[in-house]
Amino acid sequence: MSYQVLSLKWRPQSFADVIGQNHVTQTLINAFKKDRVAQAYMLTGPRGVGKTTTARIIAKALNCPNTNDGVPCNTCNICQEITDGRNLDVLEIDGASNRGIEEIRNLREQIKYAPMNASYKIFIIDEVHMLTNQAFNALLRTLEEPPSHGKFILATTDIHKVPSTIISRCQRFDFNRITESTISERLAMILGEEKISADDESLSAISRKADGSMRDALSLMDQVIAFSGETINIDDVATVIGLIPIDIFFNYSNAIAEKDTSRMIDVLQKIQTTGLPLEDVTQGLNQHFRNLLISLIKDGEGLLELNDDHVERYSDSAKSWNSKDILRITNVLNELEYSLKRVSQPSIQFEMTAMKFLEFDTSVSISDLLTDMEPKEVKKNPKPVKNVTVDSKLPQVPQTEISIEKNIEQKVSEKPKVDPVEDSTVKLVKPEKVDPIEEPPVPTQKISFEEIEKGWLRFIEGVRKERPSIGTVLEHSEPFELIENRLVIKVYDLPKFSVGSLNRNNRVVEKFIEDHYGASFQLVAEWQEGKGTTDRIEKSREKQNSSDGDKNKDGDQVVSRVLEVFDGEILR
């Protein structure tokens, strides 16, 4: 007999053999006991957790003539044919390669016919999310009301890609990732039956590498057995599956906690010499710091999914950390994992990130920081020092009475030299009060919208003299409304981008407005399509022109008088 891989040899043949999915298997067993089997099932979850296997067990439980409360006998011809995939009444369809509407139409035609030698005609569609929309639409009616002899079992890893109309016509079962401890126990049982020895650390490493998939764990075990033979140790496992030793992760985190540069360099050199994939190392570091964070949580050990030795090790190492620092590091590691796939030199990126971690300061809460910044309490009326002896050989200094004013806040760093005076008493004079510097008054905004309209053209002329480019745009504008502190203007007969240039220079325009009107506003320019200046602006322009003419007459007389007095001339 040819060799059979472990994932096929030890494939569950009954609901009791399916591990880690008790919520699914128990529900199905009760449904068979009470004869409440649905017309269609939707099985969803990660890869390798038992979806297709459960579908086959359901098919055997429905068609086995010797079934007992949903438990197939696995010895009759029908059970053997379903196990081997050769029963004509149980059809397994790959949704990835049979995803078109024609395949679904053929399925609808086949289900009309009664089963040949079984009780039900069962269609198992694996990776059902790969079907086209047209295929899903063709399946809807048949899925909702199949013939009495027809059953559907759909399996998928991407339930979000399946239309809700399909899901609503099925009983949905969500399969979970299998825990590391459950996989380790299953592997230990299988190796015991296969007469192969392995230590707990090796089983834990394979289980961790499988990432919740029992099928992946058995495939990895096949590789290790082929390399090691009948005795498996952790070194062989690390060599075969490319396992990253957990000591690398602990040395990495300890180097950060202790700010030990030499230790970090040793870790980086080991990663480089062993040729470990940097993306895998980064993922492992992310998982490592996650485990440290979980270890800081009270009663959080149940989330670690590790053996007892590793749980204790993480618990001891977590004492050197706080949650804020771990969260900062994981954020940087997530960014690193994303950038490693895109940079030209990922090794440099990885090493620079490690050096960055060494420069991290310990996180401190704001409340603690403010507490440390508070001045220390100063004792009032300190006790005088007693029993002080003075050497007689030292030169005697005449005592001086120093009177110090209370509540002097100013600190004197150097004492000024004072000429000797007859009186030995020196008094520090309290500095005179200095009046505070008066700030320029803030312009009051006591101006109406009508006043803004009246002076708008004169305001534009002032802007044109200082900023011609802005003034040109303002020539095609008019005040629209004044809402509290916001002055909205409309811009007409210009391209839309001109409004953008006006808003980019809004600070300049607001300064011109403040200088002209004596009030400050927040300017908002809006573009208006297909409209010229309004009538009120035209009337205002006419009034201004007429008043400017009158003023020019008066102004000419004044100018002439000035030229006569000062013997001047006008320069053009």
Protein backbone atom coordinates (compact mmCIF):
# COMPACT_ATOMS: atom_id res chain seq x y z
CA MET A 1 0.00 0.00 0.00
CA SER A 2 1.32 3.41 -0.94
CA TYR A 3 2.16 5.98 1.71
CA GLN A 4 -0.68 8.23 2.81
CA VAL A 5 0.06 11.65 4.23
CA LEU A 6 -0.96 12.34 7.80
CA SER A 7 -3.58 14.96 6.87
CA LEU A 8 -5.49 12.31 4.89
CA LYS A 9 -4.73 9.34 7.08
CA TRP A 10 -5.96 11.08 10.21
CA ARG A 11 -8.83 12.99 8.65
CA PRO A 12 -11.85 12.93 11.03
CA GLN A 13 -14.56 10.44 10.05
CA SER A 14 -17.19 11.42 12.62
CA PHE A 15 -18.33 14.50 14.47
CA ALA A 16 -16.49 13.39 17.61
CA ASP A 17 -13.15 13.43 15.76
CA VAL A 18 -13.48 17.08 14.68
CA ILE A 19 -11.42 19.07 17.18
CA GLY A 20 -11.86 22.67 18.28
CA GLN A 21 -15.37 23.05 16.80
CA ASN A 22 -17.66 21.77 19.54
CA HIS A 23 -20.25 24.49 18.88
CA VAL A 24 -20.67 23.16 15.34
CA THR A 25 -20.51 19.42 15.94
CA GLN A 26 -22.83 19.45 18.95
CA THR A 27 -25.45 21.45 17.02
CA LEU A 28 -25.32 19.03 14.09
CA ILE A 29 -25.54 15.97 16.35
CA ASN A 30 -28.65 17.38 18.04
CA ALA A 31 -30.17 18.25 14.65
CA PHE A 32 -29.79 14.62 13.51
CA LYS A 33 -31.17 13.28 16.78
CA LYS A 34 -34.28 15.43 16.47
CA ASP A 35 -34.55 15.04 12.67
CA ARG A 36 -34.19 18.79 12.10
CA VAL A 37 -31.68 18.75 9.25
CA ALA A 38 -31.72 21.90 7.09
CA GLN A 39 -31.92 21.94 3.30
CA ALA A 40 -28.65 23.90 3.02
CA TYR A 41 -25.63 24.62 5.20
CA MET A 42 -23.01 27.38 4.97
CA LEU A 43 -19.66 26.47 6.58
CA THR A 44 -17.22 29.35 6.91
CA GLY A 45 -13.90 29.88 8.67
CA PRO A 46 -10.09 29.86 8.21
CA ARG A 47 -8.28 27.26 6.14
CA GLY A 48 -7.62 23.80 7.50
CA VAL A 49 -10.08 23.87 10.43
CA GLY A 50 -12.44 21.13 9.20
CA LYS A 51 -15.06 22.69 6.92
CA THR A 52 -14.84 20.20 4.04
CA THR A 53 -14.34 17.34 6.46
CA THR A 54 -17.51 18.30 8.33
CA ALA A 55 -19.38 18.52 5.01
CA ARG A 56 -18.41 14.92 4.20
CA ILE A 57 -19.45 13.75 7.66
CA ILE A 58 -22.85 15.42 7.16
CA ALA A 59 -23.18 13.59 3.82
CA LYS A 60 -22.36 10.26 5.47
CA ALA A 61 -24.74 10.92 8.36
CA LEU A 62 -27.56 11.61 5.88
CA ASN A 63 -26.95 8.60 3.63
CA CYS A 64 -25.52 5.91 5.93
CA PRO A 65 -28.10 3.12 6.37
CA ASN A 66 -26.61 2.26 9.77
CA THR A 67 -26.42 5.76 11.22
CA ASN A 68 -27.15 6.16 14.91
CA ASP A 69 -28.29 9.65 15.93
CA GLY A 70 -26.13 11.28 13.30
CA VAL A 71 -23.11 9.01 13.84
CA PRO A 72 -22.20 7.16 10.62
CA CYS A 73 -20.89 3.63 10.83
CA ASN A 74 -17.94 4.29 8.44
CA THR A 75 -17.99 0.59 7.49
CA CYS A 76 -20.79 0.29 4.94
CA ASN A 77 -20.28 0.72 1.22
CA ILE A 78 -21.89 4.16 1.14
CA CYS A 79 -19.66 5.49 3.93
CA GLN A 80 -16.56 4.05 2.27
CA GLU A 81 -17.51 5.56 -1.11
CA ILE A 82 -18.13 8.99 0.42
CA THR A 83 -14.83 8.81 2.29
CA ASP A 84 -12.99 7.93 -0.92
CA GLY A 85 -14.94 10.50 -2.96
CA ARG A 86 -16.46 8.00 -5.38
CA ASN A 87 -20.13 8.07 -4.41
CA LEU A 88 -22.25 9.24 -7.34
CA ASP A 89 -24.90 10.78 -5.11
CA VAL A 90 -22.44 13.01 -3.24
CA LEU A 91 -20.87 15.49 -5.64
CA GLU A 92 -17.99 17.73 -4.53
CA ILE A 93 -17.63 20.82 -6.72
CA ASP A 94 -14.69 23.23 -6.63
CA GLY A 95 -16.14 26.71 -6.81
CA ALA A 96 -12.87 28.15 -8.11
CA SER A 97 -12.79 25.99 -11.27
CA ASN A 98 -16.57 25.61 -11.74
CA ARG A 99 -17.66 29.15 -11.17
CA GLY A 100 -19.71 29.95 -14.28
CA ILE A 101 -23.44 29.98 -14.83
CA GLU A 102 -23.31 26.91 -17.09
CA GLU A 103 -21.94 24.73 -14.27
CA ILE A 104 -24.71 25.87 -11.94
CA ARG A 105 -27.33 25.16 -14.62
CA ASN A 106 -25.97 21.62 -14.95
CA LEU A 107 -26.16 21.28 -11.17
CA ARG A 108 -29.81 22.34 -11.23
CA GLU A 109 -30.53 19.71 -13.85
CA GLN A 110 -28.77 16.94 -11.89
CA ILE A 111 -30.58 17.63 -8.63
CA LYS A 112 -33.93 16.95 -10.29
CA TYR A 113 -33.11 13.25 -10.55
CA ALA A 114 -33.47 10.94 -7.58
CA PRO A 115 -30.33 9.45 -5.96
CA MET A 116 -29.07 6.14 -7.26
CA ASN A 117 -28.23 4.16 -4.12
CA ALA A 118 -28.43 6.68 -1.29
CA SER A 119 -31.18 8.52 0.53
CA TYR A 120 -30.14 12.05 -0.55
CA LYS A 121 -28.42 13.68 -3.45
CA ILE A 122 -25.88 16.02 -1.83
CA PHE A 123 -23.90 18.81 -3.48
CA ILE A 124 -20.78 20.07 -1.65
CA ILE A 125 -19.54 23.33 -3.19
CA ASP A 126 -16.10 24.23 -1.82
CA GLU A 127 -14.79 27.83 -2.05
CA VAL A 128 -18.27 28.97 -2.98
CA HIS A 129 -17.24 32.63 -2.82
CA MET A 130 -15.47 32.17 -6.19
CA LEU A 131 -18.78 31.80 -8.09
CA THR A 132 -19.80 34.63 -10.38
CA ASN A 133 -22.79 36.83 -9.66
CA GLN A 134 -24.69 35.18 -12.50
CA ALA A 135 -23.96 31.76 -11.02
CA PHE A 136 -25.17 32.89 -7.58
CA ASN A 137 -28.39 34.22 -9.12
CA ALA A 138 -28.97 30.91 -10.90
CA LEU A 139 -28.47 29.04 -7.62
CA LEU A 140 -30.82 31.14 -5.51
CA ARG A 141 -34.17 29.49 -6.25
CA THR A 142 -32.87 25.93 -6.14
CA LEU A 143 -31.01 26.65 -2.90
CA GLU A 144 -34.13 27.99 -1.23
CA GLU A 145 -36.47 25.17 -2.24
CA PRO A 146 -34.50 22.12 -3.35
CA PRO A 147 -36.26 18.81 -4.02
CA SER A 148 -36.96 16.65 -1.00
CA HIS A 149 -34.07 14.37 -1.93
CA GLY A 150 -31.54 17.22 -2.42
CA LYS A 151 -29.20 18.90 0.08
CA PHE A 152 -26.58 21.64 -0.34
CA ILE A 153 -23.44 22.14 1.75
CA LEU A 154 -21.43 25.28 0.93
CA ALA A 155 -17.95 26.00 2.29
CA THR A 156 -15.91 29.20 2.06
CA THR A 157 -12.99 31.04 3.67
CA ASP A 158 -14.28 34.50 2.60
CA ILE A 159 -17.85 34.76 3.74
CA HIS A 160 -17.96 38.50 3.03
CA LYS A 161 -17.71 37.73 -0.71
CA VAL A 162 -20.86 35.60 -0.65
CA PRO A 163 -24.09 37.52 -1.38
CA SER A 164 -26.39 37.96 1.57
CA THR A 165 -29.22 36.43 -0.45
CA ILE A 166 -27.27 33.14 -0.53
CA ILE A 167 -26.34 33.26 3.18
CA SER A 168 -29.95 33.91 4.20
CA ARG A 169 -31.04 30.64 2.56
CA CYS A 170 -28.57 28.53 4.57
CA GLN A 171 -27.84 27.60 8.14
CA ARG A 172 -24.53 29.28 8.82
CA PHE A 173 -21.77 27.74 10.97
CA ASP A 174 -18.63 29.76 11.75
CA PHE A 175 -15.55 27.61 12.34
CA ASN A 176 -12.88 28.93 14.72
CA ARG A 177 -9.11 28.86 14.58
CA ILE A 178 -7.86 25.88 16.50
CA THR A 179 -5.86 26.82 19.57
CA GLU A 180 -2.19 25.97 19.84
CA SER A 181 -2.73 23.71 22.84
CA THR A 182 -5.47 21.76 21.05
CA ILE A 183 -3.24 21.23 18.00
CA SER A 184 -0.37 20.09 20.24
CA GLU A 185 -2.59 17.53 21.97
CA ARG A 186 -3.82 16.20 18.64
CA LEU A 187 -0.26 15.94 17.29
CA ALA A 188 0.88 14.11 20.42
CA MET A 189 -1.94 11.59 20.00
CA ILE A 190 -1.12 11.00 16.32
CA LEU A 191 2.63 10.63 16.97
CA GLY A 192 1.86 8.15 19.72
CA GLU A 193 -0.13 6.02 17.29
CA GLU A 194 2.66 6.37 14.69
CA LYS A 195 5.30 5.28 17.25
CA ILE A 196 7.24 8.53 16.94
CA SER A 197 8.61 10.49 19.92
CA ALA A 198 8.73 14.28 20.15
CA ASP A 199 9.27 16.74 22.97
CA ASP A 200 6.70 19.32 24.02
CA GLU A 201 8.76 22.24 22.69
CA SER A 202 8.79 20.73 19.20
CA LEU A 203 5.04 20.16 19.24
CA SER A 204 4.47 23.69 20.48
CA ALA A 205 6.68 25.13 17.74
CA ILE A 206 4.85 23.22 14.99
CA SER A 207 1.48 24.22 16.45
CA ARG A 208 2.52 27.87 16.57
CA LYS A 209 3.76 27.73 12.97
CA ALA A 210 0.45 26.19 11.81
CA ASP A 211 -1.41 29.34 12.93
CA GLY A 212 -4.66 27.63 13.90
CA SER A 213 -4.81 25.16 10.97
CA MET A 214 -4.79 21.47 11.82
CA ARG A 215 -4.13 20.52 8.21
CA ASP A 216 -1.06 22.78 8.08
CA ALA A 217 0.20 21.28 11.33
CA LEU A 218 -0.01 17.73 9.95
CA SER A 219 1.73 18.77 6.74
CA LEU A 220 4.58 20.35 8.74
CA MET A 221 4.80 17.22 10.87
CA ASP A 222 5.18 15.12 7.73
CA GLN A 223 8.19 17.24 6.76
CA VAL A 224 9.81 16.97 10.16
CA ILE A 225 9.32 13.20 10.29
CA ALA A 226 10.90 12.83 6.88
CA PHE A 227 13.96 14.72 8.18
CA SER A 228 14.27 13.44 11.74
CA GLY A 229 12.90 9.92 11.61
CA GLU A 230 11.38 8.42 14.75
CA THR A 231 12.82 11.00 17.18
CA ILE A 232 11.97 14.69 16.83
CA ASN A 233 13.73 17.53 18.67
CA ILE A 234 13.45 21.30 18.53
CA ASP A 235 16.64 21.77 16.52
CA ASP A 236 15.33 19.56 13.74
CA VAL A 237 12.01 21.39 13.76
CA ALA A 238 13.75 24.77 13.52
CA THR A 239 15.88 23.55 10.63
CA VAL A 240 13.04 22.06 8.60
CA ILE A 241 10.28 24.62 8.98
CA GLY A 242 12.48 27.71 9.33
CA LEU A 243 11.41 28.32 12.89
CA ILE A 244 12.76 31.43 14.53
CA PRO A 245 14.11 30.59 18.01
CA ILE A 246 12.12 32.27 20.74
CA ASP A 247 15.40 33.36 22.40
CA ILE A 248 15.93 35.86 19.57
CA PHE A 249 12.69 37.62 20.45
CA PHE A 250 13.47 37.73 24.17
CA ASN A 251 17.01 39.00 23.56
CA TYR A 252 15.58 41.67 21.24
CA SER A 253 13.06 42.92 23.80
CA ASN A 254 15.51 42.71 26.71
CA ALA A 255 18.02 44.79 24.75
CA ILE A 256 15.37 47.49 24.31
CA ALA A 257 14.32 47.38 27.96
CA GLU A 258 17.92 47.62 29.19
CA LYS A 259 19.10 50.06 26.47
CA ASP A 260 21.86 47.56 25.70
CA THR A 261 23.28 48.43 22.29
CA SER A 262 25.84 45.61 22.19
CA ARG A 263 23.17 43.03 22.94
CA MET A 264 20.96 44.38 20.17
CA ILE A 265 23.87 44.23 17.72
CA ASP A 266 24.43 40.57 18.63
CA VAL A 267 20.77 39.82 17.90
CA LEU A 268 20.93 41.60 14.53
CA GLN A 269 24.09 39.73 13.58
CA LYS A 270 22.48 36.40 14.43
CA ILE A 271 19.44 37.23 12.31
CA GLN A 272 21.71 38.18 9.42
CA THR A 273 24.02 35.14 9.64
CA THR A 274 21.16 32.63 9.91
CA GLY A 275 19.41 34.18 6.91
CA LEU A 276 16.02 34.49 8.60
CA PRO A 277 13.39 36.26 6.48
CA LEU A 278 13.01 39.77 7.88
CA GLU A 279 9.25 39.79 7.30
CA ASP A 280 8.89 36.60 9.36
CA VAL A 281 11.10 38.05 12.09
CA THR A 282 9.02 41.23 12.17
CA GLN A 283 5.80 39.22 12.42
CA GLY A 284 7.35 37.15 15.20
CA LEU A 285 8.40 40.30 17.06
CA ASN A 286 4.88 41.66 16.77
CA GLN A 287 3.51 38.44 18.24
CA HIS A 288 6.21 38.51 20.94
CA PHE A 289 5.32 42.01 22.15
CA ARG A 290 1.64 41.07 21.99
CA ASN A 291 2.37 38.20 24.37
CA LEU A 292 4.23 40.61 26.68
CA LEU A 293 1.23 42.93 26.68
CA ILE A 294 -1.15 40.07 27.47
CA SER A 295 1.13 39.01 30.32
CA LEU A 296 0.69 42.46 31.89
CA ILE A 297 -3.08 42.02 31.95
CA LYS A 298 -4.54 40.45 35.04
CA ASP A 299 -5.84 36.93 34.33
CA GLY A 300 -4.81 37.30 30.69
CA GLU A 301 -2.72 34.14 30.49
CA GLY A 302 -5.59 32.29 28.83
CA LEU A 303 -5.06 34.36 25.67
CA LEU A 304 -1.43 33.32 25.23
CA GLU A 305 -2.03 29.83 23.80
CA LEU A 306 1.47 28.77 24.95
CA ASN A 307 2.86 25.98 27.05
CA ASP A 308 3.43 26.55 30.75
CA ASP A 309 7.17 27.19 30.45
CA HIS A 310 6.69 29.93 27.89
CA VAL A 311 3.82 31.48 29.85
CA GLU A 312 6.04 31.73 32.92
CA ARG A 313 8.89 33.19 30.88
CA TYR A 314 6.66 35.87 29.40
CA SER A 315 5.28 36.67 32.83
CA ASP A 316 8.78 37.28 34.20
CA SER A 317 9.90 39.35 31.23
CA ALA A 318 6.76 41.53 31.27
CA LYS A 319 7.74 42.96 34.67
CA SER A 320 10.29 45.19 32.90
CA TRP A 321 7.66 46.78 30.65
CA ASN A 322 4.61 48.99 30.75
CA SER A 323 1.72 48.80 28.33
CA LYS A 324 2.31 52.25 26.79
CA ASP A 325 5.84 51.40 25.67
CA ILE A 326 4.70 48.07 24.19
CA LEU A 327 1.93 49.76 22.22
CA ARG A 328 4.40 52.32 20.82
CA ILE A 329 6.75 49.54 19.72
CA THR A 330 3.99 47.49 18.07
CA ASN A 331 2.89 50.53 16.09
CA VAL A 332 6.42 50.96 14.74
CA LEU A 333 6.65 47.23 13.97
CA ASN A 334 3.42 47.37 11.98
CA GLU A 335 4.85 50.22 9.91
CA LEU A 336 8.08 48.26 9.49
CA GLU A 337 6.23 45.17 8.25
CA TYR A 338 4.46 47.31 5.67
CA SER A 339 7.62 49.10 4.48
CA LEU A 340 9.84 45.99 4.22
CA LYS A 341 7.93 44.91 1.11
CA ARG A 342 8.56 48.24 -0.62
CA VAL A 343 12.05 49.46 0.26
CA SER A 344 15.08 48.53 -1.83
CA GLN A 345 17.24 47.65 1.20
CA PRO A 346 15.01 46.02 3.82
CA SER A 347 17.93 44.96 6.03
CA ILE A 348 18.94 48.58 6.62
CA GLN A 349 15.34 49.51 7.38
CA PHE A 350 15.13 46.66 9.89
CA GLU A 351 18.39 47.59 11.62
CA MET A 352 17.56 51.30 11.82
CA THR A 353 14.23 50.46 13.44
CA ALA A 354 16.06 48.42 16.08
CA MET A 355 18.35 51.37 16.79
CA LYS A 356 15.31 53.64 17.01
CA PHE A 357 13.86 51.41 19.75
CA LEU A 358 17.02 51.87 21.80
CA GLU A 359 16.47 55.64 21.76
CA PHE A 360 12.88 55.37 23.00
CA ASP A 361 12.19 57.07 26.31
CA THR A 362 9.96 55.45 28.88
CA SER A 363 6.37 56.66 28.61
CA VAL A 364 5.10 58.82 31.47
CA SER A 365 1.51 59.83 32.04
CA ILE A 366 0.65 63.52 31.98
CA SER A 367 -0.63 63.42 35.55
CA ASP A 368 2.65 61.98 36.81
CA LEU A 369 4.60 64.52 34.80
CA LEU A 370 2.62 67.43 36.26
CA THR A 371 3.06 66.01 39.75
CA ASP A 372 6.85 65.92 39.31
CA MET A 373 6.86 69.49 38.02
CA GLU A 374 5.14 70.86 41.14
CA PRO A 375 7.51 72.78 43.45
CA LYS A 376 8.55 70.97 46.57
CA GLU A 377 7.14 72.21 49.85
CA VAL A 378 9.51 74.60 51.58
CA LYS A 379 9.64 74.54 55.31
CA LYS A 380 8.86 77.86 56.94
CA ASN A 381 11.00 79.29 59.74
CA PRO A 382 13.88 76.86 59.53
CA LYS A 383 15.61 76.14 62.79
CA PRO A 384 18.85 78.02 63.40
CA VAL A 385 22.07 76.11 63.33
CA LYS A 386 23.48 75.63 66.79
CA ASN A 387 26.97 75.07 68.13
CA VAL A 388 28.85 76.70 65.29
CA THR A 389 32.43 77.53 66.18
CA VAL A 390 34.47 80.07 64.29
CA ASP A 391 38.19 79.86 64.03
CA SER A 392 39.75 82.84 65.75
CA LYS A 393 42.51 82.97 63.22
CA LEU A 394 40.09 83.95 60.48
CA PRO A 395 39.80 87.65 59.81
CA GLN A 396 36.92 89.26 61.58
CA VAL A 397 34.24 90.72 59.37
CA PRO A 398 31.99 93.37 60.82
CA GLN A 399 28.45 92.29 61.07
CA THR A 400 26.04 94.02 58.82
CA GLU A 401 22.36 94.21 59.34
CA ILE A 402 20.53 93.34 56.18
CA SER A 403 16.88 94.15 56.01
CA ILE A 404 15.10 92.20 53.33
CA GLU A 405 11.66 93.13 52.14
CA LYS A 406 9.11 90.35 52.08
CA ASN A 407 7.63 88.89 48.92
CA ILE A 408 10.50 89.88 46.63
CA GLU A 409 10.12 87.54 43.72
CA GLN A 410 13.07 88.77 41.70
CA LYS A 411 16.25 86.69 42.12
CA VAL A 412 19.58 88.54 42.25
CA SER A 413 22.34 86.47 40.75
CA GLU A 414 25.27 88.78 41.47
CA LYS A 415 25.63 91.23 44.30
CA PRO A 416 26.57 94.74 43.10
CA LYS A 417 29.67 96.36 44.49
CA VAL A 418 28.75 99.03 47.05
CA ASP A 419 31.10 101.76 48.19
CA PRO A 420 31.74 101.71 51.91
CA VAL A 421 29.40 103.95 53.86
CA GLU A 422 29.38 105.07 57.41
CA ASP A 423 26.18 103.26 58.27
CA SER A 424 26.72 99.51 58.46
CA THR A 425 23.07 98.82 57.64
CA VAL A 426 22.30 98.06 54.02
CA LYS A 427 18.67 98.04 52.94
CA LEU A 428 17.36 96.59 49.74
CA VAL A 429 14.87 98.93 48.24
CA LYS A 430 11.78 97.44 46.67
CA PRO A 431 11.76 98.23 42.95
CA GLU A 432 9.25 100.72 41.75
CA LYS A 433 6.17 99.45 40.05
CA VAL A 434 6.34 99.65 36.30
CA ASP A 435 3.16 100.29 34.44
CA PRO A 436 2.34 97.49 32.05
CA ILE A 437 2.88 98.14 28.39
CA GLU A 438 -0.37 99.01 26.82
CA GLU A 439 -1.18 96.79 23.89
CA PRO A 440 -2.62 98.40 20.82
CA PRO A 441 -6.39 98.34 20.96
CA VAL A 442 -8.11 95.60 19.04
CA PRO A 443 -10.24 97.08 16.31
CA THR A 444 -13.87 97.01 17.24
CA GLN A 445 -16.22 95.61 14.69
CA LYS A 446 -18.89 98.26 14.88
CA ILE A 447 -19.55 98.50 11.16
CA SER A 448 -22.61 97.54 9.16
CA PHE A 449 -22.82 95.65 5.92
CA GLU A 450 -24.08 98.80 4.15
CA GLU A 451 -20.94 100.67 5.19
CA ILE A 452 -18.83 97.87 3.77
CA GLU A 453 -20.71 98.11 0.46
CA LYS A 454 -20.30 101.88 0.25
CA GLY A 455 -16.58 101.80 0.78
CA TRP A 456 -15.88 98.63 -1.23
CA LEU A 457 -14.67 100.34 -4.44
CA ARG A 458 -12.38 102.70 -2.54
CA PHE A 459 -11.07 99.67 -0.62
CA ILE A 460 -10.29 97.92 -3.93
CA GLU A 461 -8.38 100.96 -5.18
CA GLY A 462 -6.25 100.87 -2.06
CA VAL A 463 -5.48 97.20 -2.54
CA ARG A 464 -4.57 97.73 -6.22
CA LYS A 465 -1.90 100.23 -5.27
CA GLU A 466 -0.21 97.78 -2.87
CA ARG A 467 -1.03 94.38 -4.48
CA PRO A 468 -2.12 94.77 -8.12
CA SER A 469 -2.70 91.02 -8.64
CA ILE A 470 -5.10 90.77 -5.70
CA GLY A 471 -6.77 94.06 -6.60
CA THR A 472 -7.47 92.77 -10.12
CA VAL A 473 -9.43 89.84 -8.70
CA LEU A 474 -11.24 92.06 -6.19
CA GLU A 475 -12.41 94.30 -9.05
CA HIS A 476 -14.71 91.45 -10.05
CA SER A 477 -16.07 90.96 -6.53
CA GLU A 478 -18.73 92.39 -4.28
CA PRO A 479 -19.71 91.90 -0.65
CA PHE A 480 -22.44 89.30 -0.32
CA GLU A 481 -23.24 88.94 3.37
CA LEU A 482 -21.85 89.63 6.84
CA ILE A 483 -22.39 86.84 9.38
CA GLU A 484 -20.94 87.83 12.77
CA ASN A 485 -17.20 87.92 12.07
CA ARG A 486 -17.34 86.33 8.57
CA LEU A 487 -17.42 88.54 5.50
CA VAL A 488 -18.54 86.59 2.44
CA ILE A 489 -17.76 88.03 -0.98
CA LYS A 490 -18.77 86.80 -4.44
CA VAL A 491 -16.37 86.72 -7.40
CA TYR A 492 -17.88 87.00 -10.91
CA ASP A 493 -16.72 86.90 -14.52
CA LEU A 494 -13.42 85.15 -13.66
CA PRO A 495 -12.22 81.53 -13.81
CA LYS A 496 -12.90 79.47 -10.73
CA PHE A 497 -9.21 79.15 -9.82
CA SER A 498 -9.05 82.89 -9.17
CA VAL A 499 -11.14 82.35 -6.04
CA GLY A 500 -8.58 79.86 -4.81
CA SER A 501 -5.77 82.37 -5.22
CA LEU A 502 -7.85 84.91 -3.29
CA ASN A 503 -8.49 82.49 -0.42
CA ARG A 504 -4.79 81.59 -0.27
CA ASN A 505 -4.02 85.26 0.30
CA ASN A 506 -6.94 85.84 2.67
CA ARG A 507 -4.62 87.01 5.48
CA VAL A 508 -3.31 89.81 3.24
CA VAL A 509 -6.80 90.87 2.22
CA GLU A 510 -8.01 90.75 5.83
CA LYS A 511 -5.16 93.11 6.80
CA PHE A 512 -6.22 95.54 4.05
CA ILE A 513 -9.82 95.36 5.31
CA GLU A 514 -8.71 96.08 8.87
CA ASP A 515 -6.64 99.07 7.73
CA HIS A 516 -9.43 100.46 5.54
CA TYR A 517 -12.54 99.88 7.65
CA GLY A 518 -11.00 99.81 11.13
CA ALA A 519 -12.53 96.39 11.78
CA SER A 520 -11.24 92.86 11.41
CA PHE A 521 -13.14 90.18 9.55
CA GLN A 522 -12.64 86.60 8.43
CA LEU A 523 -12.77 86.72 4.64
CA VAL A 524 -14.51 83.96 2.67
CA ALA A 525 -14.43 84.25 -1.14
CA GLU A 526 -16.92 82.26 -3.22
CA TRP A 527 -17.21 81.86 -6.96
CA GLN A 528 -20.43 82.72 -8.80
CA GLU A 529 -20.94 81.64 -12.37
CA GLY A 530 -22.40 83.82 -15.13
CA LYS A 531 -23.13 87.04 -13.29
CA GLY A 532 -21.57 90.45 -13.46
CA THR A 533 -21.45 93.08 -10.79
CA THR A 534 -24.77 93.95 -9.20
CA ASP A 535 -26.65 97.21 -9.61
CA ARG A 536 -25.76 98.49 -6.21
CA ILE A 537 -22.04 98.20 -6.99
CA GLU A 538 -22.57 100.03 -10.30
CA LYS A 539 -24.46 102.80 -8.53
CA SER A 540 -21.77 102.97 -5.89
CA ARG A 541 -19.14 103.24 -8.63
CA GLU A 542 -21.05 106.13 -10.26
CA LYS A 543 -21.40 107.93 -6.93
CA GLN A 544 -17.73 107.46 -6.24
CA ASN A 545 -16.77 108.80 -9.64
CA SER A 546 -18.95 111.87 -9.17
CA SER A 547 -17.66 112.51 -5.64
CA ASP A 548 -14.10 111.97 -6.81
CA GLY A 549 -14.72 114.63 -9.48
CA ASP A 550 -15.89 117.13 -6.88
CA LYS A 551 -13.04 116.30 -4.61
CA ASN A 552 -10.60 116.66 -7.45
CA LYS A 553 -11.85 120.23 -8.04
CA ASP A 554 -11.35 121.12 -4.40
CA GLY A 555 -8.11 119.27 -4.38
CA ASP A 556 -6.78 121.16 -7.38
CA GLN A 557 -7.29 124.48 -5.60
CA VAL A 558 -5.46 123.22 -2.54
CA VAL A 559 -2.59 121.88 -4.60
CA SER A 560 -2.22 125.18 -6.44
CA ARG A 561 -2.07 127.10 -3.17
CA VAL A 562 0.60 124.75 -1.83
CA LEU A 563 2.71 125.11 -4.93
CA GLU A 564 2.57 128.92 -4.62
CA VAL A 565 3.61 128.93 -0.96
CA PHE A 566 6.47 126.45 -1.28
CA ASP A 567 7.52 127.36 -4.83
CA GLY A 568 7.09 123.69 -5.91
CA GLU A 569 6.15 121.77 -8.99
CA ILE A 570 4.26 118.52 -9.77
CA LEU A 571 6.44 115.64 -10.92
CA ARG A 572 4.78 113.25 -13.37
